[in-house]
């Protein structure tokens, strides 16, 4: 089967307050999400999964509406920060939390994250989706940068859980079969949305000498 992984579009910032932070999308984020309709029109997806977080659900909505497919929301596709009381879009992280930002530039998650447990949850979720759609099905999963990254790291045997910069609504494609074969075909396709990433480009940095894009983790 053909598994299409999509990072959510640009979310709003949620400052510390009561309860769990579950931000929706900015106006720009909604425009980014709309671009997925044309980008993922062929081959026609047979199923759409999302995490239960609002930013993932909202990102999938234009595609869901266009295709008339009922999406399946799963808690096990949620990001590692799902239960936090605040949410800072990653392109603001350098100023908001420099320590966490430096770890992310190095490909590492925040110290409080149980990386093996998170990885196990994500791998289990994606493998169960693959098992549910044998054959030549195309399935879209709208989730989060951490979710996509840890699965790619698992497939490639990479120690760093955040090895790949992933842009908002970036598309990653993996071919998978029931016999365990997994082939990564593309990572972070952005042609469909490249012009809509520009408003955050002035925050880009080459900290660490690797040309890292702070909008993309």
Foldseek 3Di string as FASTA:
>chain_A
DKEKEWEFFAWDWFDFDPWWDQTAHDPLRLVLLLLVLVVAVPPPAPAEEEAPGRRQVSSCVNNCVVNVHDHHYHPLQADQRRGDRTDDQQLCCCVVPVVQNVQVVVLAGPPVGPLVVNLVSLVVVVVVVDVVDADPHYYYYYGHQLSVQQVVCVVVVNPRSNPDFEAHGFMWMWDAHPVGDIDTDDGGDCPSPVVSVVVSQVSFDCVVVPRDGSNGD
